[in-house]
Amino acid sequence: MLSAVLFVSLVGQVGFNLIDPLQITETKSVHFGDILNQANVSCRMTLGSRTGDACIQSPSTLGMFRINSAGNADVQIRVYSADSQDIDFTPLLENETSEQNYQLTKDEFEFNVGGELMIKRAMEKGQHQITYTVEVNYF
């Protein structure tokens, strides 16, 4: 008995487009200005306002970040809270949430970060800092 085997093969193709990684730079730090040194008070700062029982009338600034890309890209920006035994900081993007999508049409794009600062207990007076994370990804 004779059997025949027919073998066929084909070579497939794979295509892709390489893009440069995103670069992000903090161009201005968030600064809440003067804050009341008292337990369980908070100050919220957004594009249009600065409110809360801890906010004392003083100069303040939103943070600003710059993204450098190849342009024409969709990105997702996320900001992550920072907590300590004395302070909680919840960063907020321009839509007043921790996540926002943008369509980049230029090589450079800037966005602001505000947030809410919660003083959990009175601390030593003077300058204080807390760090937080900003994440930018293509999607």
Protein backbone atom coordinates (compact mmCIF):
# COMPACT_ATOMS: atom_id res chain seq x y z
CA MET A 1 0.00 0.00 0.00
CA LEU A 2 1.34 3.31 -1.10
CA SER A 3 0.55 6.56 0.75
CA ALA A 4 1.34 10.06 -0.38
CA VAL A 5 2.06 12.98 1.91
CA LEU A 6 1.82 16.49 0.59
CA PHE A 7 3.65 19.15 2.58
CA VAL A 8 2.97 22.86 2.02
CA SER A 9 4.56 25.78 3.83
CA LEU A 10 4.26 29.51 3.64
CA VAL A 11 6.35 32.33 5.09
CA GLY A 12 4.33 35.03 6.88
CA GLN A 13 5.22 38.68 7.37
CA VAL A 14 5.22 40.81 10.51
CA GLY A 15 5.04 44.59 10.37
CA PHE A 16 5.48 47.19 13.08
CA ASN A 17 6.23 50.85 13.61
CA LEU A 18 8.90 51.80 16.13
CA ILE A 19 8.25 54.97 18.12
CA ASP A 20 10.39 56.88 20.56
CA PRO A 21 9.66 56.53 24.26
CA LEU A 22 7.80 59.36 25.95
CA GLN A 23 9.81 61.79 28.01
CA ILE A 24 8.27 63.63 30.94
CA THR A 25 9.70 66.57 32.88
CA GLU A 26 8.38 68.42 35.92
CA THR A 27 8.63 72.10 35.00
CA LYS A 28 6.91 73.47 38.11
CA SER A 29 6.28 71.83 41.50
CA VAL A 30 2.92 71.86 43.24
CA HIS A 31 3.05 74.38 46.09
CA PHE A 32 0.04 74.83 48.36
CA GLY A 33 1.34 77.99 49.98
CA ASP A 34 0.57 78.53 53.66
CA ILE A 35 -1.34 75.69 55.32
CA LEU A 36 -2.90 75.64 58.79
CA ASN A 37 -0.84 73.46 61.17
CA GLN A 38 -3.72 71.60 62.79
CA ALA A 39 -4.88 67.99 62.83
CA ASN A 40 -7.57 66.80 60.41
CA VAL A 41 -7.70 69.79 58.07
CA SER A 42 -7.32 69.83 54.29
CA CYS A 43 -6.67 72.11 51.35
CA ARG A 44 -7.76 71.30 47.79
CA MET A 45 -6.20 73.09 44.83
CA THR A 46 -7.45 72.72 41.26
CA LEU A 47 -7.24 74.78 38.06
CA GLY A 48 -10.00 77.09 39.18
CA SER A 49 -9.85 77.14 42.97
CA ARG A 50 -8.07 76.63 46.26
CA THR A 51 -10.47 75.65 49.03
CA GLY A 52 -10.55 73.96 52.40
CA ASP A 53 -10.25 74.59 56.12
CA ALA A 54 -6.42 74.32 55.95
CA CYS A 55 -5.94 76.86 53.14
CA ILE A 56 -4.59 80.20 54.33
CA GLN A 57 -4.57 83.11 51.87
CA SER A 58 -1.10 83.02 50.30
CA PRO A 59 0.57 82.48 46.91
CA SER A 60 0.22 78.93 45.58
CA THR A 61 0.98 77.17 42.30
CA LEU A 62 -0.22 74.12 40.45
CA GLY A 63 2.41 71.67 39.29
CA MET A 64 3.21 71.53 35.59
CA PHE A 65 4.66 68.70 33.55
CA ARG A 66 5.86 68.58 29.97
CA ILE A 67 5.62 65.50 27.77
CA ASN A 68 7.94 65.21 24.76
CA SER A 69 6.84 62.70 22.14
CA ALA A 70 6.87 62.10 18.43
CA GLY A 71 3.44 63.77 18.28
CA ASN A 72 0.17 62.27 17.07
CA ALA A 73 -0.17 59.82 19.94
CA ASP A 74 -2.78 58.87 22.49
CA VAL A 75 -1.49 58.86 26.06
CA GLN A 76 -2.92 58.07 29.46
CA ILE A 77 -1.68 60.06 32.45
CA ARG A 78 -2.06 58.72 35.99
CA VAL A 79 -1.07 60.30 39.27
CA TYR A 80 -0.68 58.31 42.46
CA SER A 81 -1.36 59.40 46.03
CA ALA A 82 1.33 59.73 48.65
CA ASP A 83 0.58 59.01 52.29
CA SER A 84 2.58 59.33 55.48
CA GLN A 85 1.72 59.23 59.15
CA ASP A 86 1.39 63.03 59.13
CA ILE A 87 0.17 63.98 55.64
CA ASP A 88 -1.90 62.53 52.80
CA PHE A 89 -1.56 64.00 49.33
CA THR A 90 -3.99 63.07 46.56
CA PRO A 91 -2.82 64.56 43.26
CA LEU A 92 -5.49 65.63 40.77
CA LEU A 93 -5.25 66.17 37.04
CA GLU A 94 -7.15 68.87 35.16
CA ASN A 95 -10.34 66.75 35.14
CA GLU A 96 -10.03 66.54 38.96
CA THR A 97 -9.39 62.79 38.93
CA SER A 98 -6.23 60.69 39.11
CA GLU A 99 -6.41 59.54 35.47
CA GLN A 100 -6.91 61.36 32.19
CA ASN A 101 -6.44 60.54 28.50
CA TYR A 102 -5.03 63.00 26.00
CA GLN A 103 -4.50 63.00 22.26
CA LEU A 104 -1.12 64.55 21.51
CA THR A 105 -0.96 66.48 18.26
CA LYS A 106 2.41 68.18 18.79
CA ASP A 107 5.85 67.08 19.95
CA GLU A 108 5.38 68.92 23.26
CA PHE A 109 2.40 68.86 25.59
CA GLU A 110 2.00 70.42 29.05
CA PHE A 111 -0.48 69.52 31.77
CA ASN A 112 -1.19 70.75 35.29
CA VAL A 113 -1.42 68.84 38.56
CA GLY A 114 -3.21 70.09 41.64
CA GLY A 115 -4.49 68.01 44.49
CA GLU A 116 -5.76 67.69 48.00
CA LEU A 117 -3.45 67.92 51.00
CA MET A 118 -4.72 66.43 54.27
CA ILE A 119 -2.90 67.29 57.49
CA LYS A 120 -3.46 64.33 59.84
CA ARG A 121 -1.71 65.81 62.86
CA ALA A 122 0.08 68.99 63.81
CA MET A 123 3.77 68.96 62.89
CA GLU A 124 6.84 71.12 63.31
CA LYS A 125 6.19 74.44 61.55
CA GLY A 126 8.15 75.36 58.44
CA GLN A 127 8.64 73.96 54.94
CA HIS A 128 7.56 70.38 54.25
CA GLN A 129 7.66 68.25 51.11
CA ILE A 130 6.07 65.01 49.99
CA THR A 131 6.74 63.10 46.78
CA TYR A 132 4.20 61.51 44.45
CA THR A 133 4.30 59.57 41.19
CA VAL A 134 3.19 60.66 37.71
CA GLU A 135 2.88 57.96 35.06
CA VAL A 136 2.44 58.54 31.31
CA ASN A 137 1.81 55.66 28.91
CA TYR A 138 0.89 55.24 25.27
CA PHE A 139 -2.45 53.51 24.74
